[in-house]
Amino acid sequence: MIAPAVPIRPAGVDALKRLQAETAAELDALLPAILDKEDIRTGIDSTS
């Protein structure tokens, strides 16, 4: 079933864009720690 289109107000679009940007920044900040943790699990030496 396809959901009916719901009109989104410009303020709602701006809020969603702001939330997406904040989430992207947080994920970018976490990514190095996530990758380091995966390297430890897989035995990959990230220092070489």
Protein backbone atom coordinates (compact mmCIF):
# COMPACT_ATOMS: atom_id res chain seq x y z
CA MET A 1 0.00 0.00 0.00
CA ILE A 2 1.31 3.43 -0.90
CA ALA A 3 0.93 6.05 1.82
CA PRO A 4 -0.94 9.18 0.78
CA ALA A 5 1.15 12.29 0.24
CA VAL A 6 1.29 14.46 3.32
CA PRO A 7 2.00 18.14 2.80
CA ILE A 8 5.11 19.22 4.65
CA ARG A 9 5.41 22.79 5.78
CA PRO A 10 8.64 24.67 4.99
CA ALA A 11 9.44 24.93 8.72
CA GLY A 12 9.17 21.15 8.94
CA VAL A 13 11.53 20.73 6.00
CA ASP A 14 14.03 23.08 7.63
CA ALA A 15 13.80 21.15 10.90
CA LEU A 16 14.37 17.85 9.09
CA LYS A 17 17.37 19.27 7.22
CA ARG A 18 18.83 20.57 10.48
CA LEU A 19 18.29 17.20 12.18
CA GLN A 20 19.91 15.39 9.24
CA ALA A 21 22.93 17.70 9.37
CA GLU A 22 23.31 17.23 13.13
CA THR A 23 23.00 13.46 12.80
CA ALA A 24 25.56 13.39 9.99
CA ALA A 25 28.01 15.42 12.11
CA GLU A 26 27.56 13.06 15.06
CA LEU A 27 28.09 9.99 12.86
CA ASP A 28 31.19 11.57 11.32
CA ALA A 29 32.57 12.14 14.82
CA LEU A 30 31.84 8.53 15.85
CA LEU A 31 33.13 6.85 12.70
CA PRO A 32 36.84 6.71 13.68
CA ALA A 33 36.01 5.04 17.01
CA ILE A 34 33.70 2.56 15.28
CA LEU A 35 36.37 1.68 12.74
CA ASP A 36 39.03 1.31 15.44
CA LYS A 37 36.78 -1.03 17.38
CA GLU A 38 36.18 -3.14 14.25
CA ASP A 39 39.94 -3.28 13.61
CA ILE A 40 40.44 -4.69 17.12
CA ARG A 41 37.80 -7.37 16.51
CA THR A 42 39.18 -8.41 13.13
CA GLY A 43 42.84 -8.18 14.12
CA ILE A 44 43.63 -5.49 11.56
CA ASP A 45 46.54 -3.30 12.60
CA SER A 46 45.51 0.28 11.80
CA THR A 47 49.00 1.62 12.67
CA SER A 48 50.64 0.18 9.57
